[in-house]
N, C-alpha and C. Protein backbone atom coordinates (compact mmCIF):
# COMPACT_ATOMS: atom_id res chain seq x y z
N MET A 1 -4.08 7.92 -17.99
CA MET A 1 -2.68 8.55 -16.39
C MET A 1 -1.67 8.18 -16.51
N ILE A 2 -1.90 6.54 -16.17
CA ILE A 2 -0.11 5.79 -16.23
C ILE A 2 -0.45 5.41 -17.84
N GLN A 3 0.72 5.83 -17.90
CA GLN A 3 1.16 5.50 -19.62
C GLN A 3 2.22 4.22 -19.82
N LYS A 4 1.56 3.75 -21.17
CA LYS A 4 2.23 2.22 -21.46
C LYS A 4 4.13 2.32 -21.28
N THR A 5 4.22 3.57 -21.89
CA THR A 5 5.87 4.08 -21.61
C THR A 5 6.49 3.58 -19.89
N THR A 6 5.64 4.26 -19.37
CA THR A 6 5.27 3.70 -17.73
C THR A 6 5.94 2.24 -17.34
N LEU A 7 5.24 1.79 -17.92
CA LEU A 7 5.44 0.35 -17.78
C LEU A 7 6.68 -0.68 -18.52
N ASP A 8 6.70 0.08 -19.92
CA ASP A 8 7.87 -0.08 -20.58
C ASP A 8 9.17 0.02 -20.12
N PHE A 9 9.43 1.39 -19.05
CA PHE A 9 10.74 1.53 -18.55
C PHE A 9 11.20 0.91 -17.68
N LEU A 10 10.07 0.42 -16.75
CA LEU A 10 10.22 -0.68 -15.98
C LEU A 10 10.35 -2.14 -16.20
N ARG A 11 9.72 -2.64 -17.01
CA ARG A 11 9.97 -3.88 -17.48
C ARG A 11 11.45 -3.60 -17.92
N ASP A 12 12.43 -2.50 -19.05
CA ASP A 12 13.28 -2.78 -19.08
C ASP A 12 14.38 -2.71 -18.41
N LEU A 13 14.12 -1.94 -17.34
CA LEU A 13 15.09 -1.75 -15.77
C LEU A 13 15.30 -3.34 -15.27
N LYS A 14 14.15 -4.22 -15.17
CA LYS A 14 14.12 -4.94 -14.41
C LYS A 14 15.13 -6.27 -15.18
N GLU A 15 14.96 -5.47 -17.16
CA GLU A 15 16.36 -6.74 -17.61
C GLU A 15 17.50 -6.15 -17.48
N ASN A 16 17.52 -5.05 -16.94
CA ASN A 16 19.29 -3.92 -17.22
C ASN A 16 19.22 -3.26 -15.74
N ASN A 17 19.40 -3.92 -14.84
CA ASN A 17 19.16 -3.08 -13.32
C ASN A 17 20.86 -2.66 -12.96
N THR A 18 21.18 -1.90 -13.60
CA THR A 18 22.68 -0.98 -13.71
C THR A 18 22.71 0.25 -13.82
N LYS A 19 23.73 0.43 -13.21
CA LYS A 19 23.66 2.44 -13.41
C LYS A 19 23.91 2.72 -14.28
N ASP A 20 24.53 2.29 -14.82
CA ASP A 20 25.33 2.70 -16.37
C ASP A 20 23.58 2.47 -17.35
N TRP A 21 23.02 1.67 -17.41
CA TRP A 21 21.85 1.41 -17.79
C TRP A 21 20.95 2.81 -17.53
N PHE A 22 21.20 2.93 -16.44
CA PHE A 22 19.79 3.89 -15.80
C PHE A 22 20.25 5.40 -16.35
N GLN A 23 21.37 5.72 -16.07
CA GLN A 23 21.88 6.63 -16.59
C GLN A 23 22.29 7.00 -17.89
N ARG A 24 21.99 6.21 -18.92
CA ARG A 24 21.52 6.63 -20.12
C ARG A 24 20.03 6.57 -20.25
N ASN A 25 19.43 5.90 -19.47
CA ASN A 25 17.75 6.21 -19.73
C ASN A 25 17.24 7.23 -18.82
N LYS A 26 17.89 7.99 -18.13
CA LYS A 26 17.38 8.99 -16.72
C LYS A 26 16.27 9.33 -17.93
N SER A 27 16.12 9.85 -18.93
CA SER A 27 15.32 10.88 -19.09
C SER A 27 13.95 10.09 -19.32
N THR A 28 14.41 9.08 -19.56
CA THR A 28 12.76 8.19 -19.97
C THR A 28 12.47 8.07 -18.45
N PHE A 29 13.19 7.77 -17.75
CA PHE A 29 12.77 7.86 -15.89
C PHE A 29 12.15 8.83 -15.67
N GLU A 30 12.59 9.96 -15.61
CA GLU A 30 12.23 11.63 -15.62
C GLU A 30 11.23 11.47 -15.73
N LYS A 31 10.01 11.08 -16.63
CA LYS A 31 9.07 11.59 -17.49
C LYS A 31 7.97 10.14 -16.99
N ALA A 32 8.54 9.04 -16.87
CA ALA A 32 7.56 8.30 -15.68
C ALA A 32 7.62 8.42 -14.62
N SER A 33 8.63 8.51 -13.98
CA SER A 33 8.57 9.35 -12.72
C SER A 33 7.63 10.43 -12.35
N GLU A 34 7.20 11.45 -13.40
CA GLU A 34 6.83 12.68 -13.31
C GLU A 34 5.47 11.95 -13.52
N SER A 35 4.86 11.19 -14.45
CA SER A 35 3.69 10.54 -15.32
C SER A 35 2.92 9.86 -13.56
N PHE A 36 3.98 9.02 -13.00
CA PHE A 36 3.44 8.88 -11.43
C PHE A 36 3.03 9.37 -10.83
N SER A 37 3.76 10.79 -10.28
CA SER A 37 3.77 11.76 -9.59
C SER A 37 2.26 12.75 -9.95
N LEU A 38 2.08 12.43 -11.02
CA LEU A 38 0.95 13.40 -10.94
C LEU A 38 -0.56 12.21 -10.93
N PHE A 39 -0.51 11.57 -10.61
CA PHE A 39 -1.21 10.35 -10.78
C PHE A 39 -1.49 10.47 -9.17
N THR A 40 -0.41 10.40 -8.24
CA THR A 40 -0.49 10.32 -7.28
C THR A 40 -1.63 11.46 -6.40
N GLU A 41 -1.06 12.49 -6.89
CA GLU A 41 -1.64 13.78 -6.99
C GLU A 41 -2.99 13.52 -6.80
N TYR A 42 -2.87 13.26 -8.26
CA TYR A 42 -4.64 13.41 -8.74
C TYR A 42 -5.34 12.25 -7.25
N MET A 43 -5.10 10.92 -7.27
CA MET A 43 -5.54 9.87 -6.27
C MET A 43 -5.12 10.84 -4.88
N ILE A 44 -4.84 11.59 -4.35
CA ILE A 44 -4.53 11.95 -3.35
C ILE A 44 -6.40 13.08 -3.38
N ALA A 45 -6.17 14.16 -4.32
CA ALA A 45 -7.49 14.61 -4.33
C ALA A 45 -8.64 13.95 -3.89
N GLU A 46 -8.35 12.77 -5.00
CA GLU A 46 -10.03 11.83 -4.86
C GLU A 46 -10.20 11.10 -3.40
N ILE A 47 -9.42 10.81 -2.76
CA ILE A 47 -9.37 10.51 -1.18
C ILE A 47 -9.63 11.34 -0.42
N GLU A 48 -9.44 12.83 -0.83
CA GLU A 48 -9.40 13.14 -0.43
C GLU A 48 -11.11 13.71 0.28
N LYS A 49 -11.88 13.58 -1.14
CA LYS A 49 -13.17 13.66 -0.82
C LYS A 49 -14.31 12.41 0.11
N PHE A 50 -13.00 11.37 0.47
CA PHE A 50 -13.98 10.68 1.55
C PHE A 50 -13.15 10.43 3.01
N ASP A 51 -11.80 10.96 3.18
CA ASP A 51 -10.84 10.99 4.07
C ASP A 51 -10.53 12.09 4.32
N LYS A 52 -10.70 12.93 5.57
CA LYS A 52 -10.06 14.44 5.21
C LYS A 52 -8.83 14.28 5.96
N SER A 53 -8.60 13.17 6.83
CA SER A 53 -7.17 12.94 7.00
C SER A 53 -6.02 13.43 6.29
N VAL A 54 -6.23 13.72 4.67
CA VAL A 54 -5.11 13.40 3.73
C VAL A 54 -4.84 15.04 3.29
N LYS A 55 -5.53 15.74 3.77
CA LYS A 55 -5.29 17.10 3.31
C LYS A 55 -4.44 17.83 3.86
N GLY A 56 -3.66 18.49 2.64
CA GLY A 56 -2.47 18.77 2.44
C GLY A 56 -1.40 18.15 2.34
N VAL A 57 -1.64 16.75 2.47
CA VAL A 57 -0.67 15.44 2.04
C VAL A 57 0.07 15.70 0.66
N ARG A 58 1.22 15.87 0.18
CA ARG A 58 2.05 16.03 -1.47
C ARG A 58 2.07 14.99 -2.01
N ALA A 59 2.23 14.33 -3.03
CA ALA A 59 2.97 13.27 -3.93
C ALA A 59 4.18 13.34 -3.14
N LYS A 60 4.81 13.87 -3.06
CA LYS A 60 6.09 13.68 -2.57
C LYS A 60 5.92 12.87 -1.18
N ASP A 61 5.32 13.44 -0.21
CA ASP A 61 5.26 12.70 1.16
C ASP A 61 5.33 11.34 1.03
N CYS A 62 4.66 11.17 0.27
CA CYS A 62 4.11 9.77 -0.44
C CYS A 62 4.97 8.81 -1.17
N ILE A 63 5.35 9.26 -2.21
CA ILE A 63 6.02 8.25 -3.13
C ILE A 63 7.40 8.08 -2.60
N PHE A 64 7.55 6.36 -2.91
CA PHE A 64 9.00 6.09 -2.38
C PHE A 64 10.31 6.15 -3.51
N ARG A 65 11.50 6.08 -3.28
CA ARG A 65 12.44 6.88 -4.04
C ARG A 65 12.74 5.35 -4.56
N ILE A 66 12.91 5.66 -5.92
CA ILE A 66 13.17 4.23 -6.97
C ILE A 66 14.71 3.37 -6.83
N TYR A 67 15.51 4.27 -5.47
CA TYR A 67 16.83 3.71 -5.67
C TYR A 67 17.06 2.88 -4.24
N LYS A 68 17.23 1.89 -4.23
CA LYS A 68 17.65 0.78 -3.40
C LYS A 68 18.47 1.04 -2.05
N ASP A 69 18.37 0.82 -0.50
CA ASP A 69 19.45 0.68 -0.15
C ASP A 69 19.94 -0.89 0.11
N VAL A 70 21.06 -1.35 -0.65
CA VAL A 70 21.44 -2.53 -0.61
C VAL A 70 22.88 -2.72 0.13
N ARG A 71 22.73 -1.90 1.25
CA ARG A 71 23.97 -2.46 2.48
C ARG A 71 23.98 -3.92 3.18
N PHE A 72 22.51 -3.95 3.11
CA PHE A 72 22.31 -5.48 3.98
C PHE A 72 21.36 -6.42 2.93
N ALA A 73 21.29 -6.18 1.66
CA ALA A 73 20.63 -6.99 1.15
C ALA A 73 21.46 -7.65 0.18
N LYS A 74 20.84 -9.54 -0.23
CA LYS A 74 21.33 -10.17 -1.50
C LYS A 74 21.21 -9.62 -2.14
N ASP A 75 20.10 -9.67 -2.55
CA ASP A 75 20.36 -8.40 -4.24
C ASP A 75 20.81 -7.06 -4.58
N LYS A 76 22.07 -7.16 -4.71
CA LYS A 76 22.62 -5.94 -4.97
C LYS A 76 22.17 -5.34 -6.25
N SER A 77 21.27 -5.54 -7.04
CA SER A 77 20.71 -4.56 -8.05
C SER A 77 20.41 -3.35 -7.16
N PRO A 78 20.49 -1.98 -8.18
CA PRO A 78 20.39 -0.47 -7.28
C PRO A 78 19.41 -0.34 -7.33
N TYR A 79 17.96 -0.82 -8.49
CA TYR A 79 17.06 0.00 -7.83
C TYR A 79 16.20 -0.69 -8.24
N LYS A 80 14.97 -0.26 -7.33
CA LYS A 80 13.46 -1.09 -7.29
C LYS A 80 13.26 -1.42 -8.78
N THR A 81 12.02 -1.97 -8.83
CA THR A 81 11.29 -2.23 -10.31
C THR A 81 9.60 -1.55 -10.57
N ASN A 82 9.87 -0.49 -9.79
CA ASN A 82 8.25 -0.50 -9.24
C ASN A 82 7.98 1.13 -8.86
N PHE A 83 6.67 1.56 -9.04
CA PHE A 83 6.81 3.30 -8.53
C PHE A 83 5.63 2.88 -7.52
N GLY A 84 6.10 3.06 -6.60
CA GLY A 84 5.05 2.88 -4.98
C GLY A 84 4.89 4.64 -4.26
N ALA A 85 3.34 4.73 -4.10
CA ALA A 85 2.64 5.49 -3.15
C ALA A 85 2.31 5.29 -1.91
N TYR A 86 2.45 5.72 -0.98
CA TYR A 86 1.66 4.97 0.27
C TYR A 86 1.29 6.78 0.94
N ILE A 87 -0.31 6.50 0.71
CA ILE A 87 -0.94 7.83 0.90
C ILE A 87 -1.85 8.02 2.08
N LYS A 88 -1.54 8.90 2.79
CA LYS A 88 -2.06 8.79 4.59
C LYS A 88 -1.24 9.85 4.95
N LYS A 89 -2.23 10.41 6.23
CA LYS A 89 -1.52 11.59 6.83
C LYS A 89 -0.11 11.80 7.41
N GLY A 90 0.08 12.70 7.26
CA GLY A 90 1.73 12.74 7.50
C GLY A 90 2.46 11.84 6.28
N GLY A 91 2.27 11.49 5.45
CA GLY A 91 2.74 10.89 4.30
C GLY A 91 3.29 9.24 4.29
N LYS A 92 4.03 9.15 3.62
CA LYS A 92 4.81 7.66 3.39
C LYS A 92 5.04 7.13 5.45
N LYS A 93 6.13 7.67 5.65
CA LYS A 93 6.45 7.31 7.12
C LYS A 93 5.62 7.47 8.38
N ASN A 94 4.72 7.77 8.11
CA ASN A 94 3.86 7.62 9.29
C ASN A 94 3.41 6.35 9.64
N PRO A 95 3.39 5.98 10.83
CA PRO A 95 3.18 4.45 11.16
C PRO A 95 1.65 3.93 10.81
N GLY A 96 0.35 5.29 10.79
CA GLY A 96 -0.95 4.82 10.72
C GLY A 96 -1.47 4.17 9.18
N ALA A 97 -3.15 3.99 9.00
CA ALA A 97 -2.80 3.43 7.80
C ALA A 97 -3.05 4.25 6.88
N GLY A 98 -3.06 3.48 5.51
CA GLY A 98 -2.97 4.44 4.29
C GLY A 98 -3.30 3.86 3.48
N TYR A 99 -3.31 4.25 2.17
CA TYR A 99 -3.50 3.30 0.92
C TYR A 99 -2.52 3.30 -0.27
N TYR A 100 -2.05 2.35 -1.02
CA TYR A 100 -1.13 2.18 -1.20
C TYR A 100 -1.05 1.96 -2.64
N ILE A 101 -0.59 2.40 -3.81
CA ILE A 101 -0.39 2.33 -5.40
C ILE A 101 1.03 1.49 -5.57
N HIS A 102 0.84 0.41 -6.37
CA HIS A 102 2.25 -0.08 -6.76
C HIS A 102 1.77 -0.52 -8.39
N VAL A 103 3.00 0.60 -9.24
CA VAL A 103 2.83 0.54 -10.33
C VAL A 103 4.09 -0.65 -11.06
N GLU A 104 3.90 -1.91 -11.47
CA GLU A 104 5.35 -2.84 -12.10
C GLU A 104 4.97 -3.06 -12.72
N ASN A 105 5.48 -3.62 -14.12
CA ASN A 105 5.33 -4.50 -15.14
C ASN A 105 4.96 -5.73 -14.77
N GLY A 106 3.52 -6.29 -14.80
CA GLY A 106 3.06 -7.72 -14.85
C GLY A 106 2.87 -7.62 -13.23
N ASP A 107 2.94 -6.87 -12.28
CA ASP A 107 2.77 -7.45 -10.65
C ASP A 107 2.36 -5.88 -10.34
N SER A 108 1.51 -5.31 -10.82
CA SER A 108 1.05 -4.07 -10.51
C SER A 108 -0.27 -4.68 -9.32
N PHE A 109 -0.53 -3.60 -8.09
CA PHE A 109 -1.66 -3.66 -7.04
C PHE A 109 -1.65 -2.22 -6.59
N ILE A 110 -3.20 -2.45 -6.40
CA ILE A 110 -3.44 -1.54 -5.39
C ILE A 110 -4.04 -2.09 -3.37
N GLY A 111 -3.63 -1.20 -2.90
CA GLY A 111 -4.01 -1.71 -1.38
C GLY A 111 -3.89 -1.06 -0.29
N GLY A 112 -3.89 -1.18 0.68
CA GLY A 112 -4.06 -0.22 2.15
C GLY A 112 -4.05 -1.05 3.07
N GLY A 113 -3.87 -0.32 4.14
CA GLY A 113 -3.97 -0.59 5.79
C GLY A 113 -2.97 -0.39 6.66
N CYS A 114 -2.71 -1.37 7.63
CA CYS A 114 -1.43 -0.78 7.71
C CYS A 114 -0.09 -1.66 8.19
N TYR A 115 0.73 -1.18 7.30
CA TYR A 115 1.90 -1.92 6.75
C TYR A 115 3.28 -1.84 8.13
N CYS A 116 3.38 -3.60 8.74
CA CYS A 116 4.83 -3.43 9.59
C CYS A 116 4.58 -2.26 10.71
N PRO A 117 3.40 -2.23 11.42
CA PRO A 117 3.63 -1.46 12.41
C PRO A 117 4.35 -1.67 13.71
N PRO A 118 5.07 -0.53 14.51
CA PRO A 118 5.74 -0.70 15.42
C PRO A 118 5.19 -1.37 16.34
N SER A 119 6.26 -2.09 17.14
CA SER A 119 5.57 -3.15 18.21
C SER A 119 4.28 -2.49 19.01
N ARG A 120 4.78 -1.30 19.26
CA ARG A 120 3.64 -0.66 20.25
C ARG A 120 2.30 -0.06 19.65
N GLU A 121 2.47 0.23 18.77
CA GLU A 121 1.08 0.17 17.73
C GLU A 121 0.62 -1.03 17.60
N LEU A 122 0.94 -2.30 16.93
CA LEU A 122 0.63 -3.17 17.02
C LEU A 122 -0.09 -3.98 17.93
N ALA A 123 0.59 -3.68 19.14
CA ALA A 123 0.34 -4.00 20.55
C ALA A 123 -1.63 -3.43 20.46
N LYS A 124 -1.62 -1.92 20.19
CA LYS A 124 -2.64 -1.39 20.62
C LYS A 124 -3.93 -2.05 19.41
N ILE A 125 -3.39 -2.25 18.27
CA ILE A 125 -4.35 -2.72 17.32
C ILE A 125 -5.16 -4.37 18.32
N ARG A 126 -4.32 -4.99 18.59
CA ARG A 126 -4.01 -6.56 19.34
C ARG A 126 -4.83 -6.05 20.49
N GLU A 127 -5.05 -5.28 21.06
CA GLU A 127 -5.41 -4.72 22.42
C GLU A 127 -7.32 -4.51 22.45
N ALA A 128 -7.54 -3.85 21.04
CA ALA A 128 -8.27 -3.61 20.46
C ALA A 128 -9.37 -4.37 19.98
N ILE A 129 -8.27 -5.33 19.14
CA ILE A 129 -9.62 -6.75 18.95
C ILE A 129 -9.62 -7.38 19.81
N ASP A 130 -8.96 -7.70 21.28
CA ASP A 130 -9.14 -8.35 22.36
C ASP A 130 -10.29 -7.95 22.67
N LYS A 131 -10.37 -6.37 23.22
CA LYS A 131 -11.58 -6.33 23.85
C LYS A 131 -12.85 -6.32 23.12
N ASP A 132 -12.64 -5.59 21.89
CA ASP A 132 -14.27 -6.19 20.78
C ASP A 132 -13.63 -5.98 19.67
N PRO A 133 -13.90 -7.59 18.64
CA PRO A 133 -13.62 -7.75 17.50
C PRO A 133 -14.31 -7.22 16.79
N LYS A 134 -15.46 -7.21 17.23
CA LYS A 134 -17.12 -6.59 16.14
C LYS A 134 -16.87 -5.72 14.96
N PRO A 135 -16.07 -4.47 15.52
CA PRO A 135 -15.75 -3.58 14.71
C PRO A 135 -14.89 -3.69 13.52
N LEU A 136 -14.05 -4.67 13.63
CA LEU A 136 -13.54 -4.88 12.72
C LEU A 136 -14.02 -5.75 11.66
N LYS A 137 -14.25 -6.86 12.11
CA LYS A 137 -15.20 -8.08 11.59
C LYS A 137 -16.29 -7.70 10.89
N LYS A 138 -16.85 -6.60 11.42
CA LYS A 138 -18.08 -5.95 10.48
C LYS A 138 -17.70 -5.73 9.42
N ILE A 139 -16.30 -4.90 8.94
CA ILE A 139 -15.85 -4.21 8.46
C ILE A 139 -15.44 -5.28 7.03
N ILE A 140 -14.60 -5.86 7.78
CA ILE A 140 -13.64 -6.77 6.72
C ILE A 140 -14.57 -8.27 6.05
N GLU A 141 -16.30 -7.78 7.25
CA GLU A 141 -16.65 -9.39 6.03
C GLU A 141 -17.95 -8.66 5.66
N HIS A 142 -17.92 -7.73 5.37
CA HIS A 142 -18.93 -6.92 4.79
C HIS A 142 -18.89 -7.49 3.54
N PRO A 143 -20.04 -8.24 2.84
CA PRO A 143 -20.18 -8.48 1.00
C PRO A 143 -19.11 -7.45 0.06
N ASN A 144 -19.85 -6.42 0.32
CA ASN A 144 -18.70 -5.13 -0.84
C ASN A 144 -17.06 -5.12 -0.60
N PHE A 145 -16.84 -5.55 0.34
CA PHE A 145 -15.38 -5.24 0.72
C PHE A 145 -14.91 -6.54 0.62
N LYS A 146 -15.40 -8.00 0.82
CA LYS A 146 -15.12 -8.91 0.99
C LYS A 146 -14.69 -9.30 -0.81
N ASN A 147 -15.71 -8.95 -1.46
CA ASN A 147 -16.24 -8.99 -3.46
C ASN A 147 -14.69 -8.00 -3.91
N GLU A 148 -14.38 -7.38 -3.06
CA GLU A 148 -12.96 -6.29 -3.44
C GLU A 148 -11.64 -6.98 -3.03
N PHE A 149 -11.48 -7.14 -1.65
CA PHE A 149 -10.27 -7.57 -1.76
C PHE A 149 -10.24 -8.97 -1.32
N GLY A 150 -11.09 -9.58 -0.81
CA GLY A 150 -10.96 -10.89 -0.73
C GLY A 150 -10.51 -10.89 0.93
N GLU A 151 -9.88 -11.72 1.64
CA GLU A 151 -9.64 -11.72 3.08
C GLU A 151 -8.63 -10.48 3.71
N LEU A 152 -8.34 -10.43 4.82
CA LEU A 152 -6.85 -9.78 5.02
C LEU A 152 -5.74 -10.43 5.07
N THR A 153 -4.52 -9.78 4.53
CA THR A 153 -3.40 -10.56 4.40
C THR A 153 -2.39 -9.67 5.03
N GLY A 154 -1.19 -9.94 5.33
CA GLY A 154 -0.10 -9.96 5.90
C GLY A 154 0.49 -10.76 6.66
N ASP A 155 1.54 -10.80 6.63
CA ASP A 155 2.85 -11.63 7.80
C ASP A 155 1.93 -11.76 8.98
N LYS A 156 2.14 -13.27 9.70
CA LYS A 156 1.38 -14.22 11.10
C LYS A 156 2.74 -14.30 12.13
N VAL A 157 2.63 -13.95 13.06
CA VAL A 157 3.13 -15.11 13.77
C VAL A 157 2.56 -16.38 13.94
N LYS A 158 3.63 -17.17 14.19
CA LYS A 158 3.68 -18.85 13.97
C LYS A 158 2.87 -19.37 14.70
N THR A 159 2.44 -18.54 16.27
CA THR A 159 1.60 -18.88 17.48
C THR A 159 0.67 -17.83 17.88
N ALA A 160 0.61 -18.04 18.84
CA ALA A 160 -0.18 -16.67 19.42
C ALA A 160 0.76 -15.80 19.85
N PRO A 161 0.45 -13.96 19.48
CA PRO A 161 1.26 -12.85 20.32
C PRO A 161 1.43 -13.43 21.69
N LYS A 162 3.04 -12.94 21.99
CA LYS A 162 2.68 -13.03 23.61
C LYS A 162 1.82 -11.99 24.82
N GLY A 163 1.28 -12.77 25.09
CA GLY A 163 0.03 -12.14 26.24
C GLY A 163 -1.41 -12.80 25.64
N PHE A 164 -1.41 -13.15 24.79
CA PHE A 164 -2.75 -13.67 24.36
C PHE A 164 -2.70 -15.16 24.54
N ALA A 165 -3.71 -16.19 24.24
CA ALA A 165 -3.60 -17.47 24.80
C ALA A 165 -3.60 -18.35 23.20
N LYS A 166 -3.43 -19.50 22.89
CA LYS A 166 -3.38 -19.81 21.91
C LYS A 166 -4.46 -20.59 21.26
N ASP A 167 -5.97 -20.62 22.16
CA ASP A 167 -7.46 -20.56 22.07
C ASP A 167 -7.89 -19.65 21.83
N HIS A 168 -7.42 -18.74 21.92
CA HIS A 168 -8.31 -17.11 21.58
C HIS A 168 -9.08 -17.27 20.66
N PRO A 169 -10.19 -17.00 20.84
CA PRO A 169 -11.32 -17.08 19.82
C PRO A 169 -10.98 -16.19 18.78
N GLU A 170 -10.37 -15.51 18.51
CA GLU A 170 -9.84 -14.27 17.42
C GLU A 170 -8.89 -14.27 17.18
N ILE A 171 -7.96 -15.65 17.78
CA ILE A 171 -6.28 -15.76 17.33
C ILE A 171 -5.98 -15.34 16.00
N GLY A 172 -6.69 -15.78 14.95
CA GLY A 172 -6.52 -15.49 13.57
C GLY A 172 -6.51 -14.07 13.17
N LEU A 173 -7.17 -13.19 13.88
CA LEU A 173 -7.02 -11.51 14.00
C LEU A 173 -5.63 -11.45 14.48
N LEU A 174 -5.36 -11.96 16.05
CA LEU A 174 -4.25 -11.48 16.34
C LEU A 174 -3.17 -11.90 16.28
N GLN A 175 -3.29 -12.54 15.19
CA GLN A 175 -1.47 -12.93 14.54
C GLN A 175 -1.25 -12.45 13.54
N PHE A 176 -1.67 -10.99 12.99
CA PHE A 176 -1.11 -10.50 12.17
C PHE A 176 -0.09 -9.55 12.67
N LYS A 177 0.44 -9.86 11.79
CA LYS A 177 1.69 -8.27 12.04
C LYS A 177 1.68 -7.01 11.22
N SER A 178 0.92 -7.51 10.29
CA SER A 178 0.32 -6.00 9.43
C SER A 178 -1.12 -6.21 9.11
N TYR A 179 -1.89 -5.09 8.60
CA TYR A 179 -3.63 -5.83 8.83
C TYR A 179 -4.01 -4.75 7.31
N LEU A 180 -3.38 -5.27 6.29
CA LEU A 180 -3.66 -5.00 4.94
C LEU A 180 -4.44 -5.54 4.33
N VAL A 181 -5.14 -5.13 3.10
CA VAL A 181 -5.92 -5.64 2.15
C VAL A 181 -5.22 -5.28 0.64
N LEU A 182 -5.46 -6.08 -0.27
CA LEU A 182 -4.68 -6.15 -1.81
C LEU A 182 -5.82 -6.11 -2.79
N LYS A 183 -5.49 -5.62 -3.99
CA LYS A 183 -5.80 -6.21 -5.02
C LYS A 183 -5.42 -5.87 -6.39
N ASN A 184 -4.79 -7.16 -6.71
CA ASN A 184 -3.81 -7.27 -7.98
C ASN A 184 -4.56 -6.47 -9.35
N ILE A 185 -4.02 -5.77 -10.08
CA ILE A 185 -4.07 -5.28 -11.43
C ILE A 185 -3.22 -5.40 -12.15
N SER A 186 -4.36 -5.76 -13.44
CA SER A 186 -3.25 -6.31 -15.01
C SER A 186 -2.53 -5.04 -15.37
N ASN A 187 -1.97 -4.98 -16.04
CA ASN A 187 -1.00 -3.99 -16.94
C ASN A 187 -2.36 -3.52 -17.79
N LYS A 188 -2.95 -3.91 -18.59
CA LYS A 188 -4.23 -3.34 -19.25
C LYS A 188 -5.06 -2.28 -18.30
N VAL A 189 -5.25 -3.07 -17.30
CA VAL A 189 -6.04 -1.75 -16.60
C VAL A 189 -5.12 -0.40 -15.92
N VAL A 190 -4.07 -1.01 -15.87
CA VAL A 190 -2.94 0.30 -15.10
C VAL A 190 -3.02 1.27 -16.18
N VAL A 191 -2.95 0.99 -17.27
CA VAL A 191 -2.77 1.74 -18.42
C VAL A 191 -4.28 2.75 -19.37
N ALA A 192 -5.32 1.80 -18.61
CA ALA A 192 -7.11 2.70 -19.13
C ALA A 192 -7.31 3.40 -18.59
N GLN A 193 -7.94 4.01 -19.53
CA GLN A 193 -8.30 5.10 -18.85
C GLN A 193 -8.88 5.58 -17.75
N ASP A 194 -10.04 4.31 -17.32
CA ASP A 194 -10.69 4.31 -16.11
C ASP A 194 -9.83 3.83 -15.08
N PHE A 195 -8.61 3.80 -14.86
CA PHE A 195 -7.44 2.79 -13.70
C PHE A 195 -7.74 3.72 -12.84
N LYS A 196 -8.06 5.43 -12.84
CA LYS A 196 -7.86 6.33 -11.71
C LYS A 196 -9.53 6.04 -10.73
N ASP A 197 -10.44 5.76 -11.94
CA ASP A 197 -11.82 5.31 -10.87
C ASP A 197 -11.84 4.23 -10.40
N ILE A 198 -11.27 3.19 -10.89
CA ILE A 198 -10.75 1.74 -10.17
C ILE A 198 -9.92 2.57 -9.02
N CYS A 199 -8.99 2.83 -9.13
CA CYS A 199 -8.80 3.15 -7.49
C CYS A 199 -9.50 3.92 -6.66
N ALA A 200 -9.71 4.91 -6.74
CA ALA A 200 -10.88 5.79 -6.02
C ALA A 200 -11.78 4.75 -5.30
N ASN A 201 -12.16 3.69 -6.39
CA ASN A 201 -13.70 3.47 -5.66
C ASN A 201 -13.35 2.24 -4.72
N ALA A 202 -11.64 1.40 -4.99
CA ALA A 202 -11.57 0.18 -4.12
C ALA A 202 -11.03 1.05 -2.93
N PHE A 203 -10.33 2.29 -2.93
CA PHE A 203 -9.88 3.09 -1.60
C PHE A 203 -11.34 3.73 -1.28
N LYS A 204 -12.54 3.59 -1.42
CA LYS A 204 -13.28 4.26 -0.54
C LYS A 204 -13.50 3.38 -0.22
N LEU A 205 -13.80 2.06 -0.55
CA LEU A 205 -14.60 0.98 0.04
C LEU A 205 -13.26 0.58 1.17
N MET A 206 -12.14 0.87 1.01
CA MET A 206 -10.44 0.56 2.00
C MET A 206 -11.29 1.77 3.35
N TYR A 207 -12.03 2.54 3.02
CA TYR A 207 -11.61 3.59 4.08
C TYR A 207 -12.07 3.42 5.62
N PRO A 208 -13.38 2.71 5.59
CA PRO A 208 -13.55 1.92 6.99
C PRO A 208 -12.75 1.35 7.84
N LEU A 209 -11.66 0.56 7.38
CA LEU A 209 -10.77 -0.27 7.28
C LEU A 209 -9.61 0.75 8.10
N ASN A 210 -8.98 1.84 6.69
CA ASN A 210 -8.23 2.81 7.59
C ASN A 210 -9.17 3.70 9.05
N GLU A 211 -9.84 3.38 8.92
CA GLU A 211 -10.69 4.38 10.10
C GLU A 211 -10.72 4.25 10.79
N TYR A 212 -10.47 2.71 11.20
CA TYR A 212 -10.63 1.71 12.13
C TYR A 212 -9.55 2.22 13.08
N LEU A 213 -8.33 1.26 11.86
CA LEU A 213 -7.23 1.32 12.39
C LEU A 213 -6.88 2.62 12.80
N ASN A 214 -6.50 3.89 12.39
CA ASN A 214 -6.40 5.09 12.61
C ASN A 214 -6.77 5.58 13.95
N LYS A 215 -8.11 5.38 14.31
CA LYS A 215 -8.51 5.48 15.42
C LYS A 215 -8.00 5.37 16.53
N ILE A 216 -7.42 3.81 16.28
CA ILE A 216 -6.28 3.34 17.62
C ILE A 216 -5.38 4.01 17.58
N LEU A 217 -5.03 3.98 16.46
CA LEU A 217 -3.31 4.23 16.46
C LEU A 217 -2.74 5.87 16.57
N MET A 218 -3.90 6.85 16.40
CA MET A 218 -3.48 8.54 16.92
C MET A 218 -4.59 8.77 17.72
């Protein structure tokens, strides 16, 4: 479903990240972009089988633009060197938890959860953990979940979040600013016929985490 030519384009873009080069290779970009869009549509349909909240979501609601906003960036290269899609109710701009696909030559991964929620939503997650951490711990400590994703990941505050003691028994969970899981994917797997099945299976294992977070946030 994801073609080798897509990874080749992203590799070449990383080496030639200029507007002139991009314009000369616009047709290659459009083919690669269409391939990723079709893959995203397929994954939405697969996710809908176990997560009905994504019903009606379209690929264009989930896929990030390749054009960078460089106004405040140190790196002024104009284009991202990956294709990314964040599949969830309401699309990528929704603050809730979802399923993420990142295709980049040599640095692809799939993941999910809640990325950098606004302060109000983050406070809700922390309050839920403070009140009863058992539901979240049951999900992230399940052997199948741990085998697939390992530990939760995401940036953390250095000490304790405001309103919580430094010696809180769940301080490790409360310190997160994002609640995420990731699974790195090699180029060989990305272009394999069963990549779609690998994604679907991983996202199904991820669903309880997203369901837990979205019940808190929505």
